[in-house]
Amino acid sequence: MISDELALFDIDGTLVKGFKAHNEAFSEAFRKVYQVDATVDTIAVQGMTEQQVIIEVLKQHGLNEK
């Protein structure tokens, strides 16, 4: 059976500009995992993977990714 449905994942906001929930999730994760009050609003995330975004935000706060 062939389906007419398609799922897209837009990690970097290239297709859809709806970052509010995405930014809130990242901020909460940074607080819980790294004890850092951070947001992805401070970097240009277009074209970046989630791992690249995390590394860049951690660098801004003087932390490394390990």
Foldseek 3Di string as FASTA:
>chain_A
DDDPDDDDDDLQQPPHPDCPVVFVVVQVCCCVPVVDRWTLPVDRRPPHDPLVSVQVGCVVVVHGPD
